[in-house]
Amino acid sequence: AAHLAGAIAANTTIPVIGIPVNASSLGGIDALLSTVQMPSGIPVATVG
């Protein structure tokens, strides 16, 4: 659930593309959710 893409996007206006990494027993779902669920105004494009 380390939300690096969101932390990066919060501090720049250039496009940020998040890659959720399968690094836990949850198969990457935790990373996917923390990357794709951004608050309005701070977009992160997210791939699989």
All heavy atoms as atom14 arrays in JSON, in Angstrom:
{
  "sequence": "AAHLAGAIAANTTIPVIGIPVNASSLGGIDALLSTVQMPSGIPVATVG",
  "atom14_mask": [
    [1, 1, 1, 1, 1, 0, 0, 0, 0, 0, 0, 0, 0, 0],
    [1, 1, 1, 1, 1, 0, 0, 0, 0, 0, 0, 0, 0, 0],
    [1, 1, 1, 1, 1, 1, 1, 1, 1, 1, 0, 0, 0, 0],
    [1, 1, 1, 1, 1, 1, 1, 1, 0, 0, 0, 0, 0, 0],
    [1, 1, 1, 1, 1, 0, 0, 0, 0, 0, 0, 0, 0, 0],
    [1, 1, 1, 1, 0, 0, 0, 0, 0, 0, 0, 0, 0, 0],
    [1, 1, 1, 1, 1, 0, 0, 0, 0, 0, 0, 0, 0, 0],
    [1, 1, 1, 1, 1, 1, 1, 1, 0, 0, 0, 0, 0, 0],
    [1, 1, 1, 1, 1, 0, 0, 0, 0, 0, 0, 0, 0, 0],
    [1, 1, 1, 1, 1, 0, 0, 0, 0, 0, 0, 0, 0, 0],
    [1, 1, 1, 1, 1, 1, 1, 1, 0, 0, 0, 0, 0, 0],
    [1, 1, 1, 1, 1, 1, 1, 0, 0, 0, 0, 0, 0, 0],
    [1, 1, 1, 1, 1, 1, 1, 0, 0, 0, 0, 0, 0, 0],
    [1, 1, 1, 1, 1, 1, 1, 1, 0, 0, 0, 0, 0, 0],
    [1, 1, 1, 1, 1, 1, 1, 0, 0, 0, 0, 0, 0, 0],
    [1, 1, 1, 1, 1, 1, 1, 0, 0, 0, 0, 0, 0, 0],
    [1, 1, 1, 1, 1, 1, 1, 1, 0, 0, 0, 0, 0, 0],
    [1, 1, 1, 1, 0, 0, 0, 0, 0, 0, 0, 0, 0, 0],
    [1, 1, 1, 1, 1, 1, 1, 1, 0, 0, 0, 0, 0, 0],
    [1, 1, 1, 1, 1, 1, 1, 0, 0, 0, 0, 0, 0, 0],
    [1, 1, 1, 1, 1, 1, 1, 0, 0, 0, 0, 0, 0, 0],
    [1, 1, 1, 1, 1, 1, 1, 1, 0, 0, 0, 0, 0, 0],
    [1, 1, 1, 1, 1, 0, 0, 0, 0, 0, 0, 0, 0, 0],
    [1, 1, 1, 1, 1, 1, 0, 0, 0, 0, 0, 0, 0, 0],
    [1, 1, 1, 1, 1, 1, 0, 0, 0, 0, 0, 0, 0, 0],
    [1, 1, 1, 1, 1, 1, 1, 1, 0, 0, 0, 0, 0, 0],
    [1, 1, 1, 1, 0, 0, 0, 0, 0, 0, 0, 0, 0, 0],
    [1, 1, 1, 1, 0, 0, 0, 0, 0, 0, 0, 0, 0, 0],
    [1, 1, 1, 1, 1, 1, 1, 1, 0, 0, 0, 0, 0, 0],
    [1, 1, 1, 1, 1, 1, 1, 1, 0, 0, 0, 0, 0, 0],
    [1, 1, 1, 1, 1, 0, 0, 0, 0, 0, 0, 0, 0, 0],
    [1, 1, 1, 1, 1, 1, 1, 1, 0, 0, 0, 0, 0, 0],
    [1, 1, 1, 1, 1, 1, 1, 1, 0, 0, 0, 0, 0, 0],
    [1, 1, 1, 1, 1, 1, 0, 0, 0, 0, 0, 0, 0, 0],
    [1, 1, 1, 1, 1, 1, 1, 0, 0, 0, 0, 0, 0, 0],
    [1, 1, 1, 1, 1, 1, 1, 0, 0, 0, 0, 0, 0, 0],
    [1, 1, 1, 1, 1, 1, 1, 1, 1, 0, 0, 0, 0, 0],
    [1, 1, 1, 1, 1, 1, 1, 1, 0, 0, 0, 0, 0, 0],
    [1, 1, 1, 1, 1, 1, 1, 0, 0, 0, 0, 0, 0, 0],
    [1, 1, 1, 1, 1, 1, 0, 0, 0, 0, 0, 0, 0, 0],
    [1, 1, 1, 1, 0, 0, 0, 0, 0, 0, 0, 0, 0, 0],
    [1, 1, 1, 1, 1, 1, 1, 1, 0, 0, 0, 0, 0, 0],
    [1, 1, 1, 1, 1, 1, 1, 0, 0, 0, 0, 0, 0, 0],
    [1, 1, 1, 1, 1, 1, 1, 0, 0, 0, 0, 0, 0, 0],
    [1, 1, 1, 1, 1, 0, 0, 0, 0, 0, 0, 0, 0, 0],
    [1, 1, 1, 1, 1, 1, 1, 0, 0, 0, 0, 0, 0, 0],
    [1, 1, 1, 1, 1, 1, 1, 0, 0, 0, 0, 0, 0, 0],
    [1, 1, 1, 1, 0, 0, 0, 0, 0, 0, 0, 0, 0, 0]
  ],
  "atom14_positions": [
    [[0.83, -1.21, 0.0], [0.0, 0.0, 0.0], [0.86, 1.26, 0.0], [0.39, 2.33, 0.32], [-0.95, -0.01, 1.2], [0.0, 0.0, 0.0], [0.0, 0.0, 0.0], [0.0, 0.0, 0.0], [0.0, 0.0, 0.0], [0.0, 0.0, 0.0], [0.0, 0.0, 0.0], [0.0, 0.0, 0.0], [0.0, 0.0, 0.0], [0.0, 0.0, 0.0]],
    [[2.12, 1.11, -0.38], [3.02, 2.26, -0.45], [2.64, 3.11, -1.66], [2.85, 2.71, -2.79], [4.47, 1.78, -0.57], [0.0, 0.0, 0.0], [0.0, 0.0, 0.0], [0.0, 0.0, 0.0], [0.0, 0.0, 0.0], [0.0, 0.0, 0.0], [0.0, 0.0, 0.0], [0.0, 0.0, 0.0], [0.0, 0.0, 0.0], [0.0, 0.0, 0.0]],
    [[2.09, 4.24, -1.41], [1.49, 5.03, -2.47], [2.46, 6.03, -3.08], [2.27, 7.24, -3.02], [0.25, 5.72, -1.93], [-0.57, 6.33, -3.01], [-0.75, 5.74, -4.24], [-1.23, 7.49, -3.05], [-1.5, 6.51, -4.98], [-1.81, 7.58, -4.28], [0.0, 0.0, 0.0], [0.0, 0.0, 0.0], [0.0, 0.0, 0.0], [0.0, 0.0, 0.0]],
    [[3.52, 5.51, -3.69], [4.56, 6.36, -4.26], [4.03, 7.24, -5.4], [4.34, 8.42, -5.46], [5.73, 5.49, -4.74], [6.91, 6.22, -5.35], [7.5, 7.21, -4.34], [7.96, 5.22, -5.8], [0.0, 0.0, 0.0], [0.0, 0.0, 0.0], [0.0, 0.0, 0.0], [0.0, 0.0, 0.0], [0.0, 0.0, 0.0], [0.0, 0.0, 0.0]],
    [[3.25, 6.66, -6.3], [2.74, 7.44, -7.43], [1.94, 8.66, -6.96], [2.08, 9.75, -7.51], [1.9, 6.56, -8.35], [0.0, 0.0, 0.0], [0.0, 0.0, 0.0], [0.0, 0.0, 0.0], [0.0, 0.0, 0.0], [0.0, 0.0, 0.0], [0.0, 0.0, 0.0], [0.0, 0.0, 0.0], [0.0, 0.0, 0.0], [0.0, 0.0, 0.0]],
    [[1.13, 8.48, -5.95], [0.35, 9.6, -5.42], [1.21, 10.65, -4.77], [0.97, 11.85, -4.93], [0.0, 0.0, 0.0], [0.0, 0.0, 0.0], [0.0, 0.0, 0.0], [0.0, 0.0, 0.0], [0.0, 0.0, 0.0], [0.0, 0.0, 0.0], [0.0, 0.0, 0.0], [0.0, 0.0, 0.0], [0.0, 0.0, 0.0], [0.0, 0.0, 0.0]],
    [[2.24, 10.22, -4.05], [3.16, 11.17, -3.42], [3.92, 11.97, -4.47], [4.13, 13.17, -4.32], [4.13, 10.43, -2.5], [0.0, 0.0, 0.0], [0.0, 0.0, 0.0], [0.0, 0.0, 0.0], [0.0, 0.0, 0.0], [0.0, 0.0, 0.0], [0.0, 0.0, 0.0], [0.0, 0.0, 0.0], [0.0, 0.0, 0.0], [0.0, 0.0, 0.0]],
    [[4.3, 11.3, -5.56], [4.98, 12.0, -6.65], [4.01, 12.97, -7.33], [4.33, 14.14, -7.54], [5.55, 10.98, -7.67], [6.62, 10.1, -7.04], [6.04, 11.68, -8.93], [7.9, 10.8, -6.66], [0.0, 0.0, 0.0], [0.0, 0.0, 0.0], [0.0, 0.0, 0.0], [0.0, 0.0, 0.0], [0.0, 0.0, 0.0], [0.0, 0.0, 0.0]],
    [[2.81, 12.51, -7.67], [1.83, 13.34, -8.37], [1.41, 14.56, -7.56], [1.08, 15.6, -8.12], [0.61, 12.51, -8.74], [0.0, 0.0, 0.0], [0.0, 0.0, 0.0], [0.0, 0.0, 0.0], [0.0, 0.0, 0.0], [0.0, 0.0, 0.0], [0.0, 0.0, 0.0], [0.0, 0.0, 0.0], [0.0, 0.0, 0.0], [0.0, 0.0, 0.0]],
    [[1.44, 14.45, -6.24], [1.04, 15.56, -5.39], [1.98, 16.76, -5.53], [1.61, 17.88, -5.19], [1.0, 15.11, -3.93], [0.0, 0.0, 0.0], [0.0, 0.0, 0.0], [0.0, 0.0, 0.0], [0.0, 0.0, 0.0], [0.0, 0.0, 0.0], [0.0, 0.0, 0.0], [0.0, 0.0, 0.0], [0.0, 0.0, 0.0], [0.0, 0.0, 0.0]],
    [[3.17, 16.51, -6.07], [4.18, 17.56, -6.11], [4.63, 17.95, -7.52], [5.67, 18.59, -7.68], [5.39, 17.13, -5.28], [5.05, 17.06, -3.82], [4.81, 18.08, -3.19], [4.98, 15.85, -3.28], [0.0, 0.0, 0.0], [0.0, 0.0, 0.0], [0.0, 0.0, 0.0], [0.0, 0.0, 0.0], [0.0, 0.0, 0.0], [0.0, 0.0, 0.0]],
    [[3.87, 17.55, -8.53], [4.21, 17.92, -9.9], [2.93, 17.97, -10.74], [1.93, 17.37, -10.35], [5.22, 16.93, -10.54], [5.67, 17.46, -11.79], [4.61, 15.56, -10.75], [0.0, 0.0, 0.0], [0.0, 0.0, 0.0], [0.0, 0.0, 0.0], [0.0, 0.0, 0.0], [0.0, 0.0, 0.0], [0.0, 0.0, 0.0], [0.0, 0.0, 0.0]],
    [[3.01, 18.66, -11.85], [1.88, 18.67, -12.78], [2.23, 17.97, -14.09], [1.44, 18.01, -15.03], [1.42, 20.11, -13.08], [2.53, 20.87, -13.57], [0.83, 20.76, -11.84], [0.0, 0.0, 0.0], [0.0, 0.0, 0.0], [0.0, 0.0, 0.0], [0.0, 0.0, 0.0], [0.0, 0.0, 0.0], [0.0, 0.0, 0.0], [0.0, 0.0, 0.0]],
    [[3.39, 17.31, -14.16], [3.65, 16.48, -15.34], [2.97, 15.13, -15.13], [2.71, 14.73, -13.99], [5.16, 16.33, -15.65], [5.9, 15.56, -14.57], [5.81, 17.69, -15.89], [7.33, 15.24, -14.93], [0.0, 0.0, 0.0], [0.0, 0.0, 0.0], [0.0, 0.0, 0.0], [0.0, 0.0, 0.0], [0.0, 0.0, 0.0], [0.0, 0.0, 0.0]],
    [[2.62, 14.43, -16.2], [1.91, 13.16, -16.05], [2.69, 12.12, -15.24], [3.87, 11.91, -15.48], [1.71, 12.69, -17.49], [1.78, 13.92, -18.32], [2.79, 14.81, -17.62], [0.0, 0.0, 0.0], [0.0, 0.0, 0.0], [0.0, 0.0, 0.0], [0.0, 0.0, 0.0], [0.0, 0.0, 0.0], [0.0, 0.0, 0.0], [0.0, 0.0, 0.0]],
    [[2.0, 11.5, -14.31], [2.56, 10.42, -13.5], [1.79, 9.15, -13.83], [0.56, 9.14, -13.85], [2.46, 10.73, -11.99], [2.93, 9.54, -11.16], [3.26, 11.98, -11.64], [0.0, 0.0, 0.0], [0.0, 0.0, 0.0], [0.0, 0.0, 0.0], [0.0, 0.0, 0.0], [0.0, 0.0, 0.0], [0.0, 0.0, 0.0], [0.0, 0.0, 0.0]],
    [[2.54, 8.09, -14.1], [1.95, 6.8, -14.43], [2.36, 5.83, -13.33], [3.55, 5.58, -13.12], [2.45, 6.31, -15.8], [2.07, 7.34, -16.87], [1.87, 4.93, -16.12], [2.83, 7.19, -18.16], [0.0, 0.0, 0.0], [0.0, 0.0, 0.0], [0.0, 0.0, 0.0], [0.0, 0.0, 0.0], [0.0, 0.0, 0.0], [0.0, 0.0, 0.0]],
    [[1.38, 5.3, -12.64], [1.64, 4.38, -11.54], [1.65, 2.93, -12.01], [0.8, 2.53, -12.81], [0.0, 0.0, 0.0], [0.0, 0.0, 0.0], [0.0, 0.0, 0.0], [0.0, 0.0, 0.0], [0.0, 0.0, 0.0], [0.0, 0.0, 0.0], [0.0, 0.0, 0.0], [0.0, 0.0, 0.0], [0.0, 0.0, 0.0], [0.0, 0.0, 0.0]],
    [[2.61, 2.18, -11.51], [2.65, 0.74, -11.73], [2.46, 0.08, -10.37], [3.36, 0.12, -9.52], [3.98, 0.24, -12.31], [4.32, 0.94, -13.62], [3.94, -1.28, -12.5], [5.7, 0.59, -14.15], [0.0, 0.0, 0.0], [0.0, 0.0, 0.0], [0.0, 0.0, 0.0], [0.0, 0.0, 0.0], [0.0, 0.0, 0.0], [0.0, 0.0, 0.0]],
    [[1.31, -0.55, -10.14], [1.16, -1.32, -8.9], [2.0, -2.6, -9.02], [1.92, -3.3, -10.04], [-0.33, -1.65, -8.85], [-0.95, -1.09, -10.08], [0.11, -0.51, -10.94], [0.0, 0.0, 0.0], [0.0, 0.0, 0.0], [0.0, 0.0, 0.0], [0.0, 0.0, 0.0], [0.0, 0.0, 0.0], [0.0, 0.0, 0.0], [0.0, 0.0, 0.0]],
    [[2.8, -2.86, -8.02], [3.71, -4.01, -8.05], [3.18, -5.12, -7.14], [2.79, -4.86, -6.01], [5.13, -3.58, -7.62], [6.06, -4.78, -7.5], [5.69, -2.55, -8.6], [0.0, 0.0, 0.0], [0.0, 0.0, 0.0], [0.0, 0.0, 0.0], [0.0, 0.0, 0.0], [0.0, 0.0, 0.0], [0.0, 0.0, 0.0], [0.0, 0.0, 0.0]],
    [[3.2, -6.32, -7.66], [2.83, -7.5, -6.87], [3.98, -7.8, -5.92], [4.97, -8.4, -6.31], [2.56, -8.69, -7.79], [2.18, -9.94, -7.02], [2.11, -9.95, -5.8], [1.96, -11.01, -7.75], [0.0, 0.0, 0.0], [0.0, 0.0, 0.0], [0.0, 0.0, 0.0], [0.0, 0.0, 0.0], [0.0, 0.0, 0.0], [0.0, 0.0, 0.0]],
    [[3.84, -7.36, -4.68], [4.92, -7.52, -3.71], [4.43, -8.06, -2.36], [5.14, -7.98, -1.37], [5.63, -6.18, -3.5], [0.0, 0.0, 0.0], [0.0, 0.0, 0.0], [0.0, 0.0, 0.0], [0.0, 0.0, 0.0], [0.0, 0.0, 0.0], [0.0, 0.0, 0.0], [0.0, 0.0, 0.0], [0.0, 0.0, 0.0], [0.0, 0.0, 0.0]],
    [[3.21, -8.57, -2.33], [2.68, -9.03, -1.06], [1.8, -10.25, -1.27], [1.54, -10.67, -2.4], [1.85, -7.92, -0.38], [0.6, -7.77, -1.03], [0.0, 0.0, 0.0], [0.0, 0.0, 0.0], [0.0, 0.0, 0.0], [0.0, 0.0, 0.0], [0.0, 0.0, 0.0], [0.0, 0.0, 0.0], [0.0, 0.0, 0.0], [0.0, 0.0, 0.0]],
    [[1.31, -10.77, -0.19], [0.42, -11.93, -0.26], [-0.93, -11.59, -0.88], [-1.72, -12.48, -1.17], [0.22, -12.52, 1.14], [-0.38, -11.54, 1.99], [0.0, 0.0, 0.0], [0.0, 0.0, 0.0], [0.0, 0.0, 0.0], [0.0, 0.0, 0.0], [0.0, 0.0, 0.0], [0.0, 0.0, 0.0], [0.0, 0.0, 0.0], [0.0, 0.0, 0.0]],
    [[-1.19, -10.32, -1.11], [-2.45, -9.89, -1.71], [-2.38, -9.85, -3.24], [-3.34, -9.44, -3.89], [-2.87, -8.53, -1.16], [-3.16, -8.5, 0.35], [-3.47, -7.09, 0.8], [-4.29, -9.45, 0.71], [0.0, 0.0, 0.0], [0.0, 0.0, 0.0], [0.0, 0.0, 0.0], [0.0, 0.0, 0.0], [0.0, 0.0, 0.0], [0.0, 0.0, 0.0]],
    [[-1.26, -10.26, -3.81], [-1.13, -10.36, -5.26], [-1.11, -9.03, -6.0], [-1.37, -8.98, -7.2], [0.0, 0.0, 0.0], [0.0, 0.0, 0.0], [0.0, 0.0, 0.0], [0.0, 0.0, 0.0], [0.0, 0.0, 0.0], [0.0, 0.0, 0.0], [0.0, 0.0, 0.0], [0.0, 0.0, 0.0], [0.0, 0.0, 0.0], [0.0, 0.0, 0.0]],
    [[-0.81, -7.95, -5.32], [-0.74, -6.65, -5.96], [-2.03, -5.85, -5.91], [-2.07, -4.7, -6.31], [0.0, 0.0, 0.0], [0.0, 0.0, 0.0], [0.0, 0.0, 0.0], [0.0, 0.0, 0.0], [0.0, 0.0, 0.0], [0.0, 0.0, 0.0], [0.0, 0.0, 0.0], [0.0, 0.0, 0.0], [0.0, 0.0, 0.0], [0.0, 0.0, 0.0]],
    [[-3.11, -6.46, -5.4], [-4.38, -5.75, -5.3], [-4.27, -4.54, -4.38], [-4.82, -3.47, -4.66], [-5.52, -6.69, -4.82], [-5.73, -7.81, -5.85], [-6.8, -5.93, -4.56], [-6.22, -7.33, -7.2], [0.0, 0.0, 0.0], [0.0, 0.0, 0.0], [0.0, 0.0, 0.0], [0.0, 0.0, 0.0], [0.0, 0.0, 0.0], [0.0, 0.0, 0.0]],
    [[-3.52, -4.68, -3.3], [-3.32, -3.57, -2.37], [-2.63, -2.4, -3.08], [-3.05, -1.25, -2.97], [-2.54, -3.99, -1.14], [-1.28, -4.8, -1.45], [-1.12, -5.26, -2.61], [-0.46, -4.99, -0.54], [0.0, 0.0, 0.0], [0.0, 0.0, 0.0], [0.0, 0.0, 0.0], [0.0, 0.0, 0.0], [0.0, 0.0, 0.0], [0.0, 0.0, 0.0]],
    [[-1.6, -2.7, -3.87], [-0.89, -1.66, -4.62], [-1.78, -1.05, -5.69], [-1.76, 0.17, -5.92], [0.38, -2.23, -5.23], [0.0, 0.0, 0.0], [0.0, 0.0, 0.0], [0.0, 0.0, 0.0], [0.0, 0.0, 0.0], [0.0, 0.0, 0.0], [0.0, 0.0, 0.0], [0.0, 0.0, 0.0], [0.0, 0.0, 0.0], [0.0, 0.0, 0.0]],
    [[-2.57, -1.89, -6.35], [-3.49, -1.39, -7.38], [-4.47, -0.39, -6.78], [-4.66, 0.72, -7.31], [-4.25, -2.55, -8.03], [-5.34, -2.15, -9.02], [-4.75, -1.42, -10.23], [-6.13, -3.37, -9.45], [0.0, 0.0, 0.0], [0.0, 0.0, 0.0], [0.0, 0.0, 0.0], [0.0, 0.0, 0.0], [0.0, 0.0, 0.0], [0.0, 0.0, 0.0]],
    [[-5.09, -0.76, -5.68], [-6.09, 0.13, -5.08], [-5.46, 1.42, -4.58], [-6.05, 2.5, -4.75], [-6.83, -0.59, -3.95], [-7.71, -1.76, -4.41], [-8.3, -2.48, -3.22], [-8.79, -1.29, -5.37], [0.0, 0.0, 0.0], [0.0, 0.0, 0.0], [0.0, 0.0, 0.0], [0.0, 0.0, 0.0], [0.0, 0.0, 0.0], [0.0, 0.0, 0.0]],
    [[-4.28, 1.35, -3.98], [-3.66, 2.57, -3.47], [-3.18, 3.47, -4.6], [-3.06, 4.67, -4.43], [-2.51, 2.26, -2.51], [-1.41, 1.71, -3.2], [0.0, 0.0, 0.0], [0.0, 0.0, 0.0], [0.0, 0.0, 0.0], [0.0, 0.0, 0.0], [0.0, 0.0, 0.0], [0.0, 0.0, 0.0], [0.0, 0.0, 0.0], [0.0, 0.0, 0.0]],
    [[-2.94, 2.91, -5.78], [-2.48, 3.71, -6.91], [-3.64, 4.3, -7.7], [-3.58, 5.45, -8.14], [-1.6, 2.85, -7.84], [-0.53, 2.27, -7.07], [-1.0, 3.67, -8.97], [0.0, 0.0, 0.0], [0.0, 0.0, 0.0], [0.0, 0.0, 0.0], [0.0, 0.0, 0.0], [0.0, 0.0, 0.0], [0.0, 0.0, 0.0], [0.0, 0.0, 0.0]],
    [[-4.69, 3.55, -7.88], [-5.79, 3.98, -8.74], [-6.78, 4.91, -8.03], [-7.46, 5.7, -8.68], [-6.5, 2.74, -9.35], [-7.43, 2.08, -8.37], [-7.22, 3.09, -10.62], [0.0, 0.0, 0.0], [0.0, 0.0, 0.0], [0.0, 0.0, 0.0], [0.0, 0.0, 0.0], [0.0, 0.0, 0.0], [0.0, 0.0, 0.0], [0.0, 0.0, 0.0]],
    [[-6.85, 4.85, -6.72], [-7.85, 5.64, -5.98], [-7.28, 6.99, -5.56], [-7.04, 7.24, -4.39], [-8.33, 4.87, -4.74], [-9.11, 3.63, -5.07], [-10.48, 3.93, -5.66], [-10.73, 4.96, -6.25], [-11.39, 2.98, -5.52], [0.0, 0.0, 0.0], [0.0, 0.0, 0.0], [0.0, 0.0, 0.0], [0.0, 0.0, 0.0], [0.0, 0.0, 0.0]],
    [[-7.11, 7.87, -6.52], [-6.57, 9.2, -6.23], [-7.7, 10.2, -5.99], [-8.76, 10.11, -6.61], [-5.71, 9.68, -7.41], [-4.38, 8.97, -7.51], [-3.34, 9.21, -6.07], [-3.1, 10.98, -6.1], [0.0, 0.0, 0.0], [0.0, 0.0, 0.0], [0.0, 0.0, 0.0], [0.0, 0.0, 0.0], [0.0, 0.0, 0.0], [0.0, 0.0, 0.0]],
    [[-7.45, 11.17, -5.11], [-8.46, 12.2, -4.88], [-8.57, 13.12, -6.1], [-7.61, 13.29, -6.85], [-7.93, 12.95, -3.66], [-6.47, 12.72, -3.67], [-6.26, 11.36, -4.27], [0.0, 0.0, 0.0], [0.0, 0.0, 0.0], [0.0, 0.0, 0.0], [0.0, 0.0, 0.0], [0.0, 0.0, 0.0], [0.0, 0.0, 0.0], [0.0, 0.0, 0.0]],
    [[-9.73, 13.68, -6.27], [-9.96, 14.61, -7.37], [-8.93, 15.73, -7.34], [-8.63, 16.28, -6.29], [-11.38, 15.19, -7.24], [-11.64, 16.05, -8.3], [0.0, 0.0, 0.0], [0.0, 0.0, 0.0], [0.0, 0.0, 0.0], [0.0, 0.0, 0.0], [0.0, 0.0, 0.0], [0.0, 0.0, 0.0], [0.0, 0.0, 0.0], [0.0, 0.0, 0.0]],
    [[-8.37, 16.03, -8.51], [-7.4, 17.11, -8.62], [-5.96, 16.65, -8.68], [-5.08, 17.43, -9.04], [0.0, 0.0, 0.0], [0.0, 0.0, 0.0], [0.0, 0.0, 0.0], [0.0, 0.0, 0.0], [0.0, 0.0, 0.0], [0.0, 0.0, 0.0], [0.0, 0.0, 0.0], [0.0, 0.0, 0.0], [0.0, 0.0, 0.0], [0.0, 0.0, 0.0]],
    [[-5.69, 15.4, -8.3], [-4.32, 14.87, -8.33], [-4.36, 13.54, -9.09], [-4.37, 12.46, -8.49], [-3.74, 14.65, -6.9], [-3.87, 15.89, -6.03], [-2.28, 14.2, -6.99], [-3.03, 17.07, -6.48], [0.0, 0.0, 0.0], [0.0, 0.0, 0.0], [0.0, 0.0, 0.0], [0.0, 0.0, 0.0], [0.0, 0.0, 0.0], [0.0, 0.0, 0.0]],
    [[-4.4, 13.6, -10.42], [-4.53, 12.36, -11.18], [-3.24, 11.55, -11.25], [-2.14, 12.1, -11.24], [-4.91, 12.85, -12.58], [-4.31, 14.21, -12.68], [-4.38, 14.78, -11.29], [0.0, 0.0, 0.0], [0.0, 0.0, 0.0], [0.0, 0.0, 0.0], [0.0, 0.0, 0.0], [0.0, 0.0, 0.0], [0.0, 0.0, 0.0], [0.0, 0.0, 0.0]],
    [[-3.41, 10.24, -11.29], [-2.34, 9.29, -11.58], [-2.9, 8.32, -12.6], [-3.91, 7.67, -12.34], [-1.87, 8.53, -10.32], [-0.94, 7.38, -10.7], [-1.19, 9.46, -9.33], [0.0, 0.0, 0.0], [0.0, 0.0, 0.0], [0.0, 0.0, 0.0], [0.0, 0.0, 0.0], [0.0, 0.0, 0.0], [0.0, 0.0, 0.0], [0.0, 0.0, 0.0]],
    [[-2.28, 8.24, -13.76], [-2.66, 7.21, -14.72], [-2.12, 5.9, -14.16], [-1.01, 5.86, -13.65], [-2.05, 7.49, -16.09], [0.0, 0.0, 0.0], [0.0, 0.0, 0.0], [0.0, 0.0, 0.0], [0.0, 0.0, 0.0], [0.0, 0.0, 0.0], [0.0, 0.0, 0.0], [0.0, 0.0, 0.0], [0.0, 0.0, 0.0], [0.0, 0.0, 0.0]],
    [[-2.91, 4.85, -14.22], [-2.5, 3.59, -13.61], [-2.61, 2.47, -14.63], [-3.64, 2.32, -15.28], [-3.38, 3.26, -12.38], [-3.38, 4.39, -11.5], [-2.87, 2.04, -11.66], [0.0, 0.0, 0.0], [0.0, 0.0, 0.0], [0.0, 0.0, 0.0], [0.0, 0.0, 0.0], [0.0, 0.0, 0.0], [0.0, 0.0, 0.0], [0.0, 0.0, 0.0]],
    [[-1.54, 1.7, -14.75], [-1.55, 0.52, -15.61], [-1.82, -0.7, -14.73], [-1.93, -0.59, -13.51], [-0.22, 0.38, -16.39], [-0.05, 1.56, -17.36], [0.96, 0.26, -15.46], [0.0, 0.0, 0.0], [0.0, 0.0, 0.0], [0.0, 0.0, 0.0], [0.0, 0.0, 0.0], [0.0, 0.0, 0.0], [0.0, 0.0, 0.0], [0.0, 0.0, 0.0]],
    [[-1.91, -1.85, -15.35], [-2.19, -3.07, -14.61], [-1.05, -3.46, -13.69], [0.07, -2.93, -13.77], [0.0, 0.0, 0.0], [0.0, 0.0, 0.0], [0.0, 0.0, 0.0], [0.0, 0.0, 0.0], [0.0, 0.0, 0.0], [0.0, 0.0, 0.0], [0.0, 0.0, 0.0], [0.0, 0.0, 0.0], [0.0, 0.0, 0.0], [0.0, 0.0, 0.0]]
  ]
}
